Amino acid sequence: MKLHVRHTTAYQYTEPLLYSVQNLHLWPLSGPGQTVLDWRIQVPGRLHAQPDGLGNRMHSFTLTASPEQGLRELRIVAEGTVMTLVEPVFEDAPGLPHPAFYRRSTTHAEPHPRMTAWAREVVPRVAPGQCETPVDQVLDLVHAVADKVRYRPGRTAVETTALEAFDWGLGVCQDQAHVLVAVCRSLGLPARYVSGYFYAANEPDLASHAWVDVCIDVQARRWVSVDVTHRCLVDERHIRLACGNDYTVCPPVKGLRRGGGDEQLSVDIRIEPVSAG
């Protein structure tokens, strides 16, 4: 499927913005599941590429202004076209961190004994410490987490941890992904958080999406990408932006500022299929 994406992030300020530094994970890379045909990012400043040891393409820019010149609006636009494929199982490219790196605990996706006990009860076929894990066993976990943490917007925030979402039994795609990552780690399976886009004509609220890579063969560095929200393997509806230990590592936009007064954020993501002609 060929998909065109336009992702606009706009900040409105009540006072002049004097200083801002922004880090962006807004540039998809070609890989086993997608080919990036064209892509660009528009910002009110000079864009700098930053090194990222996790295999992501990261950018940053800085703005400095006097009170007389300060902006009242900061707009970031990422736009381009991607050809997506059905390729949920893949091997990491050389040079990326060993899968064991993704077994370690993080604040937002920390394993917990309560999660471990729950997982061993609801999906006993997933044996901790296995060298290889069948894809259907990972999907068992996906369905179990989707049943446990129901999709419900407006009840959680970006600061919500996996354990909080697990205990509350609700959340959005980010929370469901964090819970699956934490559960996998509690069973000894390396897992990482993935940010990206999801195309569905009837689900525009899910255009900004999150899912999970689970390592099914550590020695071969082989992974499977799974979507808890849609209870499926990642397919041609998904565009991958970045991955990390949890959301805090690879948010689409993250920054610091001085000045500006009160801030209002709006995000608009439009994804449209492109005809072959």
C-alpha atoms as a PDB file:
ATOM      1  CA  MET A   1       0.000   0.000   0.000  1.00  0.00           C
ATOM      2  CA  LYS A   2       1.267   3.492  -0.864  1.00  0.00           C
ATOM      3  CA  LEU A   3       0.383   6.018   1.842  1.00  0.00           C
ATOM      4  CA  HIS A   4       0.872   9.775   1.998  1.00  0.00           C
ATOM      5  CA  VAL A   5       1.267  11.319   5.469  1.00  0.00           C
ATOM      6  CA  ARG A   6       1.080  14.934   6.604  1.00  0.00           C
ATOM      7  CA  HIS A   7       1.786  15.363  10.311  1.00  0.00           C
ATOM      8  CA  THR A   8       1.449  18.886  11.724  1.00  0.00           C
ATOM      9  CA  THR A   9       2.421  19.791  15.289  1.00  0.00           C
ATOM     10  CA  ALA A  10       1.562  23.366  16.303  1.00  0.00           C
ATOM     11  CA  TYR A  11       2.278  25.185  19.562  1.00  0.00           C
ATOM     12  CA  GLN A  12       0.429  28.425  20.317  1.00  0.00           C
ATOM     13  CA  TYR A  13       1.879  30.798  22.941  1.00  0.00           C
ATOM     14  CA  THR A  14       0.331  33.665  24.872  1.00  0.00           C
ATOM     15  CA  GLU A  15       3.692  35.474  25.065  1.00  0.00           C
ATOM     16  CA  PRO A  16       6.725  35.647  22.754  1.00  0.00           C
ATOM     17  CA  LEU A  17       8.803  32.472  22.640  1.00  0.00           C
ATOM     18  CA  LEU A  18      12.414  33.392  23.504  1.00  0.00           C
ATOM     19  CA  TYR A  19      14.186  30.046  23.277  1.00  0.00           C
ATOM     20  CA  SER A  20      13.262  26.540  22.198  1.00  0.00           C
ATOM     21  CA  VAL A  21      15.135  23.331  21.447  1.00  0.00           C
ATOM     22  CA  GLN A  22      13.173  20.471  19.868  1.00  0.00           C
ATOM     23  CA  ASN A  23      14.137  16.837  19.279  1.00  0.00           C
ATOM     24  CA  LEU A  24      12.199  15.007  16.579  1.00  0.00           C
ATOM     25  CA  HIS A  25      11.593  11.349  15.755  1.00  0.00           C
ATOM     26  CA  LEU A  26       9.591  12.169  12.648  1.00  0.00           C
ATOM     27  CA  TRP A  27      11.560  10.583   9.818  1.00  0.00           C
ATOM     28  CA  PRO A  28      10.691   6.988   8.867  1.00  0.00           C
ATOM     29  CA  LEU A  29      13.423   4.793   7.434  1.00  0.00           C
ATOM     30  CA  SER A  30      13.192   2.186   4.711  1.00  0.00           C
ATOM     31  CA  GLY A  31      13.380  -1.355   6.060  1.00  0.00           C
ATOM     32  CA  PRO A  32      11.831  -4.828   5.855  1.00  0.00           C
ATOM     33  CA  GLY A  33       8.251  -3.525   6.181  1.00  0.00           C
ATOM     34  CA  GLN A  34       8.361  -0.245   4.286  1.00  0.00           C
ATOM     35  CA  THR A  35      10.089   1.801   1.604  1.00  0.00           C
ATOM     36  CA  VAL A  36      10.208   5.562   2.069  1.00  0.00           C
ATOM     37  CA  LEU A  37       9.609   7.143  -1.346  1.00  0.00           C
ATOM     38  CA  ASP A  38       9.957  10.755  -0.213  1.00  0.00           C
ATOM     39  CA  TRP A  39       9.990  12.602   3.101  1.00  0.00           C
ATOM     40  CA  ARG A  40      10.630  16.076   4.446  1.00  0.00           C
ATOM     41  CA  ILE A  41      10.350  18.045   7.675  1.00  0.00           C
ATOM     42  CA  GLN A  42       9.585  21.752   7.781  1.00  0.00           C
ATOM     43  CA  VAL A  43      10.588  23.727  10.883  1.00  0.00           C
ATOM     44  CA  PRO A  44      11.190  27.436  11.616  1.00  0.00           C
ATOM     45  CA  GLY A  45      14.937  26.961  11.840  1.00  0.00           C
ATOM     46  CA  ARG A  46      17.863  24.872  10.673  1.00  0.00           C
ATOM     47  CA  LEU A  47      17.295  21.139  11.016  1.00  0.00           C
ATOM     48  CA  HIS A  48      20.191  19.012  12.260  1.00  0.00           C
ATOM     49  CA  ALA A  49      20.471  15.221  12.001  1.00  0.00           C
ATOM     50  CA  GLN A  50      21.454  13.575  15.277  1.00  0.00           C
ATOM     51  CA  PRO A  51      23.128  10.181  15.847  1.00  0.00           C
ATOM     52  CA  ASP A  52      20.913   7.489  17.322  1.00  0.00           C
ATOM     53  CA  GLY A  53      22.355   4.126  18.331  1.00  0.00           C
ATOM     54  CA  LEU A  54      18.915   2.470  18.254  1.00  0.00           C
ATOM     55  CA  GLY A  55      18.518   2.674  14.480  1.00  0.00           C
ATOM     56  CA  ASN A  56      16.218   5.698  14.391  1.00  0.00           C
ATOM     57  CA  ARG A  57      16.672   8.866  12.366  1.00  0.00           C
ATOM     58  CA  MET A  58      16.520  11.771  14.779  1.00  0.00           C
ATOM     59  CA  HIS A  59      16.625  15.533  14.149  1.00  0.00           C
ATOM     60  CA  SER A  60      16.823  18.659  16.280  1.00  0.00           C
ATOM     61  CA  PHE A  61      16.568  22.403  15.878  1.00  0.00           C
ATOM     62  CA  THR A  62      17.015  25.435  18.114  1.00  0.00           C
ATOM     63  CA  LEU A  63      15.320  28.837  18.103  1.00  0.00           C
ATOM     64  CA  THR A  64      16.557  31.970  19.867  1.00  0.00           C
ATOM     65  CA  ALA A  65      14.778  35.322  19.704  1.00  0.00           C
ATOM     66  CA  SER A  66      14.433  38.638  21.503  1.00  0.00           C
ATOM     67  CA  PRO A  67      11.095  39.576  23.123  1.00  0.00           C
ATOM     68  CA  GLU A  68      10.364  41.744  20.086  1.00  0.00           C
ATOM     69  CA  GLN A  69      11.061  38.904  17.624  1.00  0.00           C
ATOM     70  CA  GLY A  70       9.716  35.956  19.629  1.00  0.00           C
ATOM     71  CA  LEU A  71       7.248  33.637  17.935  1.00  0.00           C
ATOM     72  CA  ARG A  72       3.661  33.237  19.051  1.00  0.00           C
ATOM     73  CA  GLU A  73       3.363  29.979  17.096  1.00  0.00           C
ATOM     74  CA  LEU A  74       5.798  27.128  16.519  1.00  0.00           C
ATOM     75  CA  ARG A  75       4.811  24.785  13.696  1.00  0.00           C
ATOM     76  CA  ILE A  76       6.477  21.490  12.724  1.00  0.00           C
ATOM     77  CA  VAL A  77       5.317  19.676   9.590  1.00  0.00           C
ATOM     78  CA  ALA A  78       6.499  16.199   8.561  1.00  0.00           C
ATOM     79  CA  GLU A  79       5.240  14.971   5.211  1.00  0.00           C
ATOM     80  CA  GLY A  80       5.955  12.255   2.687  1.00  0.00           C
ATOM     81  CA  THR A  81       4.986   9.034   0.983  1.00  0.00           C
ATOM     82  CA  VAL A  82       5.747   5.491   2.110  1.00  0.00           C
ATOM     83  CA  MET A  83       5.184   2.142   0.405  1.00  0.00           C
ATOM     84  CA  THR A  84       4.196  -0.335   3.098  1.00  0.00           C
ATOM     85  CA  LEU A  85       4.492  -4.117   3.016  1.00  0.00           C
ATOM     86  CA  VAL A  86       3.221  -7.038   5.091  1.00  0.00           C
ATOM     87  CA  GLU A  87       6.475  -7.974   6.814  1.00  0.00           C
ATOM     88  CA  PRO A  88       5.878  -8.471  10.556  1.00  0.00           C
ATOM     89  CA  VAL A  89       8.840 -10.837  11.100  1.00  0.00           C
ATOM     90  CA  PHE A  90      12.321  -9.460  10.431  1.00  0.00           C
ATOM     91  CA  GLU A  91      15.929  -9.453  11.583  1.00  0.00           C
ATOM     92  CA  ASP A  92      17.763  -6.417  12.897  1.00  0.00           C
ATOM     93  CA  ALA A  93      20.306  -4.741  10.669  1.00  0.00           C
ATOM     94  CA  PRO A  94      23.970  -5.078  11.711  1.00  0.00           C
ATOM     95  CA  GLY A  95      25.193  -2.611  14.290  1.00  0.00           C
ATOM     96  CA  LEU A  96      22.009  -2.335  16.332  1.00  0.00           C
ATOM     97  CA  PRO A  97      21.970  -3.165  20.060  1.00  0.00           C
ATOM     98  CA  HIS A  98      21.816  -6.829  21.037  1.00  0.00           C
ATOM     99  CA  PRO A  99      18.244  -7.945  21.876  1.00  0.00           C
ATOM    100  CA  ALA A 100      19.275  -8.399  25.517  1.00  0.00           C
ATOM    101  CA  PHE A 101      19.438  -4.602  25.707  1.00  0.00           C
ATOM    102  CA  TYR A 102      15.624  -4.631  25.539  1.00  0.00           C
ATOM    103  CA  ARG A 103      15.229  -6.931  28.535  1.00  0.00           C
ATOM    104  CA  ARG A 104      16.256  -4.204  30.958  1.00  0.00           C
ATOM    105  CA  SER A 105      13.662  -2.378  33.011  1.00  0.00           C
ATOM    106  CA  THR A 106      12.555   1.175  32.252  1.00  0.00           C
ATOM    107  CA  THR A 107      10.314   3.521  34.214  1.00  0.00           C
ATOM    108  CA  HIS A 108       7.361   3.339  31.823  1.00  0.00           C
ATOM    109  CA  ALA A 109       7.659  -0.371  31.023  1.00  0.00           C
ATOM    110  CA  GLU A 110       8.973  -1.929  34.207  1.00  0.00           C
ATOM    111  CA  PRO A 111       8.350  -5.644  34.817  1.00  0.00           C
ATOM    112  CA  HIS A 112       6.460  -6.403  38.003  1.00  0.00           C
ATOM    113  CA  PRO A 113       5.807  -9.716  39.845  1.00  0.00           C
ATOM    114  CA  ARG A 114       2.056  -9.116  39.536  1.00  0.00           C
ATOM    115  CA  MET A 115       2.372  -8.956  35.762  1.00  0.00           C
ATOM    116  CA  THR A 116       4.576 -12.039  35.694  1.00  0.00           C
ATOM    117  CA  ALA A 117       2.091 -14.093  37.720  1.00  0.00           C
ATOM    118  CA  TRP A 118      -0.794 -12.908  35.544  1.00  0.00           C
ATOM    119  CA  ALA A 119       1.037 -13.719  32.306  1.00  0.00           C
ATOM    120  CA  ARG A 120       2.017 -17.215  33.437  1.00  0.00           C
ATOM    121  CA  GLU A 121      -1.579 -17.918  34.332  1.00  0.00           C
ATOM    122  CA  VAL A 122      -3.288 -16.594  31.186  1.00  0.00           C
ATOM    123  CA  VAL A 123      -0.622 -17.646  28.654  1.00  0.00           C
ATOM    124  CA  PRO A 124       1.150 -20.647  30.168  1.00  0.00           C
ATOM    125  CA  ARG A 125       2.500 -21.707  26.768  1.00  0.00           C
ATOM    126  CA  VAL A 126       4.952 -18.781  26.747  1.00  0.00           C
ATOM    127  CA  ALA A 127       7.901 -20.267  28.608  1.00  0.00           C
ATOM    128  CA  PRO A 128      10.422 -17.808  30.059  1.00  0.00           C
ATOM    129  CA  GLY A 129      13.990 -18.153  28.842  1.00  0.00           C
ATOM    130  CA  GLN A 130      13.259 -19.961  25.604  1.00  0.00           C
ATOM    131  CA  CYS A 131      15.764 -19.424  22.791  1.00  0.00           C
ATOM    132  CA  GLU A 132      12.949 -19.252  20.264  1.00  0.00           C
ATOM    133  CA  THR A 133       9.339 -18.226  20.794  1.00  0.00           C
ATOM    134  CA  PRO A 134       6.660 -19.110  18.197  1.00  0.00           C
ATOM    135  CA  VAL A 135       4.737 -16.178  16.763  1.00  0.00           C
ATOM    136  CA  ASP A 136       1.401 -17.678  17.808  1.00  0.00           C
ATOM    137  CA  GLN A 137       2.526 -17.590  21.446  1.00  0.00           C
ATOM    138  CA  VAL A 138       3.338 -13.895  21.129  1.00  0.00           C
ATOM    139  CA  LEU A 139      -0.147 -13.373  19.688  1.00  0.00           C
ATOM    140  CA  ASP A 140      -1.556 -15.159  22.742  1.00  0.00           C
ATOM    141  CA  LEU A 141       0.085 -12.460  24.840  1.00  0.00           C
ATOM    142  CA  VAL A 142      -1.252  -9.744  22.539  1.00  0.00           C
ATOM    143  CA  HIS A 143      -4.846 -10.927  22.938  1.00  0.00           C
ATOM    144  CA  ALA A 144      -4.435 -11.346  26.697  1.00  0.00           C
ATOM    145  CA  VAL A 145      -3.096  -7.792  27.116  1.00  0.00           C
ATOM    146  CA  ALA A 146      -5.834  -6.385  24.868  1.00  0.00           C
ATOM    147  CA  ASP A 147      -8.434  -8.094  27.084  1.00  0.00           C
ATOM    148  CA  LYS A 148      -6.733  -6.902  30.261  1.00  0.00           C
ATOM    149  CA  VAL A 149      -6.099  -3.274  29.198  1.00  0.00           C
ATOM    150  CA  ARG A 150      -9.143  -2.094  27.264  1.00  0.00           C
ATOM    151  CA  TYR A 151      -8.690   0.745  24.797  1.00  0.00           C
ATOM    152  CA  ARG A 152     -10.216   3.849  26.347  1.00  0.00           C
ATOM    153  CA  PRO A 153      -8.972   7.378  25.492  1.00  0.00           C
ATOM    154  CA  GLY A 154      -8.891  10.209  27.983  1.00  0.00           C
ATOM    155  CA  ARG A 155      -8.111   8.211  31.121  1.00  0.00           C
ATOM    156  CA  THR A 156      -4.299   8.074  30.974  1.00  0.00           C
ATOM    157  CA  ALA A 157      -1.430  10.438  30.093  1.00  0.00           C
ATOM    158  CA  VAL A 158       2.059  10.177  28.623  1.00  0.00           C
ATOM    159  CA  GLU A 159       3.404   9.777  32.180  1.00  0.00           C
ATOM    160  CA  THR A 160       1.259   6.687  32.876  1.00  0.00           C
ATOM    161  CA  THR A 161       3.351   3.590  33.599  1.00  0.00           C
ATOM    162  CA  ALA A 162       2.712   0.046  32.435  1.00  0.00           C
ATOM    163  CA  LEU A 163       1.822  -1.088  35.966  1.00  0.00           C
ATOM    164  CA  GLU A 164      -0.704   1.733  36.380  1.00  0.00           C
ATOM    165  CA  ALA A 165      -2.423   0.881  33.083  1.00  0.00           C
ATOM    166  CA  PHE A 166      -2.316  -2.819  34.001  1.00  0.00           C
ATOM    167  CA  ASP A 167      -3.952  -2.201  37.377  1.00  0.00           C
ATOM    168  CA  TRP A 168      -6.530   0.240  35.987  1.00  0.00           C
ATOM    169  CA  GLY A 169      -7.373  -2.100  33.099  1.00  0.00           C
ATOM    170  CA  LEU A 170      -7.599   0.654  30.520  1.00  0.00           C
ATOM    171  CA  GLY A 171      -5.540   2.999  28.389  1.00  0.00           C
ATOM    172  CA  VAL A 172      -4.623   3.982  24.850  1.00  0.00           C
ATOM    173  CA  CYS A 173      -2.258   2.372  22.360  1.00  0.00           C
ATOM    174  CA  GLN A 174       0.777   3.744  24.195  1.00  0.00           C
ATOM    175  CA  ASP A 175      -0.364   2.132  27.459  1.00  0.00           C
ATOM    176  CA  GLN A 176      -1.206  -1.184  25.807  1.00  0.00           C
ATOM    177  CA  ALA A 177       2.218  -1.221  24.180  1.00  0.00           C
ATOM    178  CA  HIS A 178       3.959  -0.442  27.478  1.00  0.00           C
ATOM    179  CA  VAL A 179       2.073  -3.230  29.232  1.00  0.00           C
ATOM    180  CA  LEU A 180       3.012  -5.767  26.569  1.00  0.00           C
ATOM    181  CA  VAL A 181       6.651  -4.656  26.684  1.00  0.00           C
ATOM    182  CA  ALA A 182       6.709  -4.979  30.485  1.00  0.00           C
ATOM    183  CA  VAL A 183       4.975  -8.375  30.423  1.00  0.00           C
ATOM    184  CA  CYS A 184       7.393  -9.709  27.808  1.00  0.00           C
ATOM    185  CA  ARG A 185      10.361  -8.523  29.832  1.00  0.00           C
ATOM    186  CA  SER A 186       8.907 -10.150  32.945  1.00  0.00           C
ATOM    187  CA  LEU A 187       8.934 -13.446  31.022  1.00  0.00           C
ATOM    188  CA  GLY A 188      12.491 -12.966  29.787  1.00  0.00           C
ATOM    189  CA  LEU A 189      11.528 -11.895  26.261  1.00  0.00           C
ATOM    190  CA  PRO A 190      13.266  -8.793  24.862  1.00  0.00           C
ATOM    191  CA  ALA A 191      10.667  -6.253  23.761  1.00  0.00           C
ATOM    192  CA  ARG A 192      10.744  -2.661  22.544  1.00  0.00           C
ATOM    193  CA  TYR A 193       8.249   0.140  22.057  1.00  0.00           C
ATOM    194  CA  VAL A 194       7.553   1.338  18.494  1.00  0.00           C
ATOM    195  CA  SER A 195       6.034   4.673  17.483  1.00  0.00           C
ATOM    196  CA  GLY A 196       4.502   5.270  14.080  1.00  0.00           C
ATOM    197  CA  TYR A 197       1.375   5.838  12.024  1.00  0.00           C
ATOM    198  CA  PHE A 198      -1.669   3.680  11.401  1.00  0.00           C
ATOM    199  CA  TYR A 199      -3.959   4.104   8.433  1.00  0.00           C
ATOM    200  CA  ALA A 200      -7.675   3.387   8.735  1.00  0.00           C
ATOM    201  CA  ALA A 201     -10.318   5.518   7.052  1.00  0.00           C
ATOM    202  CA  ASN A 202     -12.707   4.999   9.978  1.00  0.00           C
ATOM    203  CA  GLU A 203     -10.146   5.418  12.817  1.00  0.00           C
ATOM    204  CA  PRO A 204      -8.470   8.837  12.361  1.00  0.00           C
ATOM    205  CA  ASP A 205      -7.796   9.083  16.099  1.00  0.00           C
ATOM    206  CA  LEU A 206      -5.354   6.168  15.769  1.00  0.00           C
ATOM    207  CA  ALA A 207      -3.267   7.837  13.048  1.00  0.00           C
ATOM    208  CA  SER A 208      -0.580   8.413  15.671  1.00  0.00           C
ATOM    209  CA  HIS A 209       0.001   4.908  16.915  1.00  0.00           C
ATOM    210  CA  ALA A 210       2.197   2.631  19.013  1.00  0.00           C
ATOM    211  CA  TRP A 211       2.993  -1.072  18.879  1.00  0.00           C
ATOM    212  CA  VAL A 212       5.666  -3.529  20.014  1.00  0.00           C
ATOM    213  CA  ASP A 213       8.595  -5.522  18.658  1.00  0.00           C
ATOM    214  CA  VAL A 214       9.073  -8.836  20.490  1.00  0.00           C
ATOM    215  CA  CYS A 215      12.285 -10.812  19.975  1.00  0.00           C
ATOM    216  CA  ILE A 216      11.372 -14.382  19.049  1.00  0.00           C
ATOM    217  CA  ASP A 217      14.940 -15.597  18.400  1.00  0.00           C
ATOM    218  CA  VAL A 218      17.701 -13.849  20.335  1.00  0.00           C
ATOM    219  CA  GLN A 219      20.563 -15.644  18.596  1.00  0.00           C
ATOM    220  CA  ALA A 220      19.283 -14.733  15.126  1.00  0.00           C
ATOM    221  CA  ARG A 221      18.147 -11.270  16.329  1.00  0.00           C
ATOM    222  CA  ARG A 222      14.742 -11.997  14.831  1.00  0.00           C
ATOM    223  CA  TRP A 223      11.697  -9.963  15.870  1.00  0.00           C
ATOM    224  CA  VAL A 224       7.968  -9.905  15.301  1.00  0.00           C
ATOM    225  CA  SER A 225       5.985  -6.644  15.319  1.00  0.00           C
ATOM    226  CA  VAL A 226       2.561  -6.829  16.964  1.00  0.00           C
ATOM    227  CA  ASP A 227      -0.270  -4.332  17.491  1.00  0.00           C
ATOM    228  CA  VAL A 228      -2.140  -4.798  20.777  1.00  0.00           C
ATOM    229  CA  THR A 229      -4.865  -2.279  19.955  1.00  0.00           C
ATOM    230  CA  HIS A 230      -5.860  -4.149  16.788  1.00  0.00           C
ATOM    231  CA  ARG A 231      -4.877  -7.623  18.099  1.00  0.00           C
ATOM    232  CA  CYS A 232      -2.787  -8.351  15.021  1.00  0.00           C
ATOM    233  CA  LEU A 233       0.604  -8.617  13.433  1.00  0.00           C
ATOM    234  CA  VAL A 234       1.813  -5.335  11.967  1.00  0.00           C
ATOM    235  CA  ASP A 235       0.753  -5.072   8.325  1.00  0.00           C
ATOM    236  CA  GLU A 236       0.578  -2.640   5.418  1.00  0.00           C
ATOM    237  CA  ARG A 237      -1.519  -0.193   7.453  1.00  0.00           C
ATOM    238  CA  HIS A 238       1.450   0.589   9.717  1.00  0.00           C
ATOM    239  CA  ILE A 239       4.286   3.063   9.088  1.00  0.00           C
ATOM    240  CA  ARG A 240       7.198   2.763  11.485  1.00  0.00           C
ATOM    241  CA  LEU A 241       8.846   5.948  12.773  1.00  0.00           C
ATOM    242  CA  ALA A 242      11.118   4.950  15.664  1.00  0.00           C
ATOM    243  CA  CYS A 243      11.661   2.445  18.449  1.00  0.00           C
ATOM    244  CA  GLY A 244      13.114   2.453  21.937  1.00  0.00           C
ATOM    245  CA  ASN A 245      12.915   1.012  25.431  1.00  0.00           C
ATOM    246  CA  ASP A 246       9.683   2.936  26.001  1.00  0.00           C
ATOM    247  CA  TYR A 247       7.833   6.043  24.824  1.00  0.00           C
ATOM    248  CA  THR A 248      10.229   8.465  26.509  1.00  0.00           C
ATOM    249  CA  VAL A 249      13.073   7.362  24.204  1.00  0.00           C
ATOM    250  CA  CYS A 250      11.333   8.054  20.897  1.00  0.00           C
ATOM    251  CA  PRO A 251       8.409  10.509  21.137  1.00  0.00           C
ATOM    252  CA  PRO A 252       7.650  12.194  17.809  1.00  0.00           C
ATOM    253  CA  VAL A 253       8.329  15.668  19.277  1.00  0.00           C
ATOM    254  CA  LYS A 254      10.008  16.545  22.555  1.00  0.00           C
ATOM    255  CA  GLY A 255      11.462  19.879  23.605  1.00  0.00           C
ATOM    256  CA  LEU A 256      12.292  22.559  26.129  1.00  0.00           C
ATOM    257  CA  ARG A 257      11.470  26.263  25.990  1.00  0.00           C
ATOM    258  CA  ARG A 258      11.933  29.604  27.694  1.00  0.00           C
ATOM    259  CA  GLY A 259       9.290  32.282  27.405  1.00  0.00           C
ATOM    260  CA  GLY A 260       6.013  31.818  25.586  1.00  0.00           C
ATOM    261  CA  GLY A 261       3.731  32.060  28.612  1.00  0.00           C
ATOM    262  CA  ASP A 262       0.906  29.526  28.422  1.00  0.00           C
ATOM    263  CA  GLU A 263       1.135  26.903  25.704  1.00  0.00           C
ATOM    264  CA  GLN A 264      -1.550  25.187  23.652  1.00  0.00           C
ATOM    265  CA  LEU A 265      -0.665  22.143  21.564  1.00  0.00           C
ATOM    266  CA  SER A 266      -2.548  20.834  18.546  1.00  0.00           C
ATOM    267  CA  VAL A 267      -1.649  17.824  16.418  1.00  0.00           C
ATOM    268  CA  ASP A 268      -3.145  17.005  13.046  1.00  0.00           C
ATOM    269  CA  ILE A 269      -2.229  13.811  11.183  1.00  0.00           C
ATOM    270  CA  ARG A 270      -3.704  13.031   7.800  1.00  0.00           C
ATOM    271  CA  ILE A 271      -2.995   9.750   6.037  1.00  0.00           C
ATOM    272  CA  GLU A 272      -4.316   9.045   2.564  1.00  0.00           C
ATOM    273  CA  PRO A 273      -3.765   6.116   0.194  1.00  0.00           C
ATOM    274  CA  VAL A 274      -2.074   7.020  -3.083  1.00  0.00           C
ATOM    275  CA  SER A 275      -3.361   5.392  -6.269  1.00  0.00           C
ATOM    276  CA  ALA A 276      -0.930   3.346  -8.334  1.00  0.00           C
ATOM    277  CA  GLY A 277      -1.427   5.655 -11.294  1.00  0.00           C
END
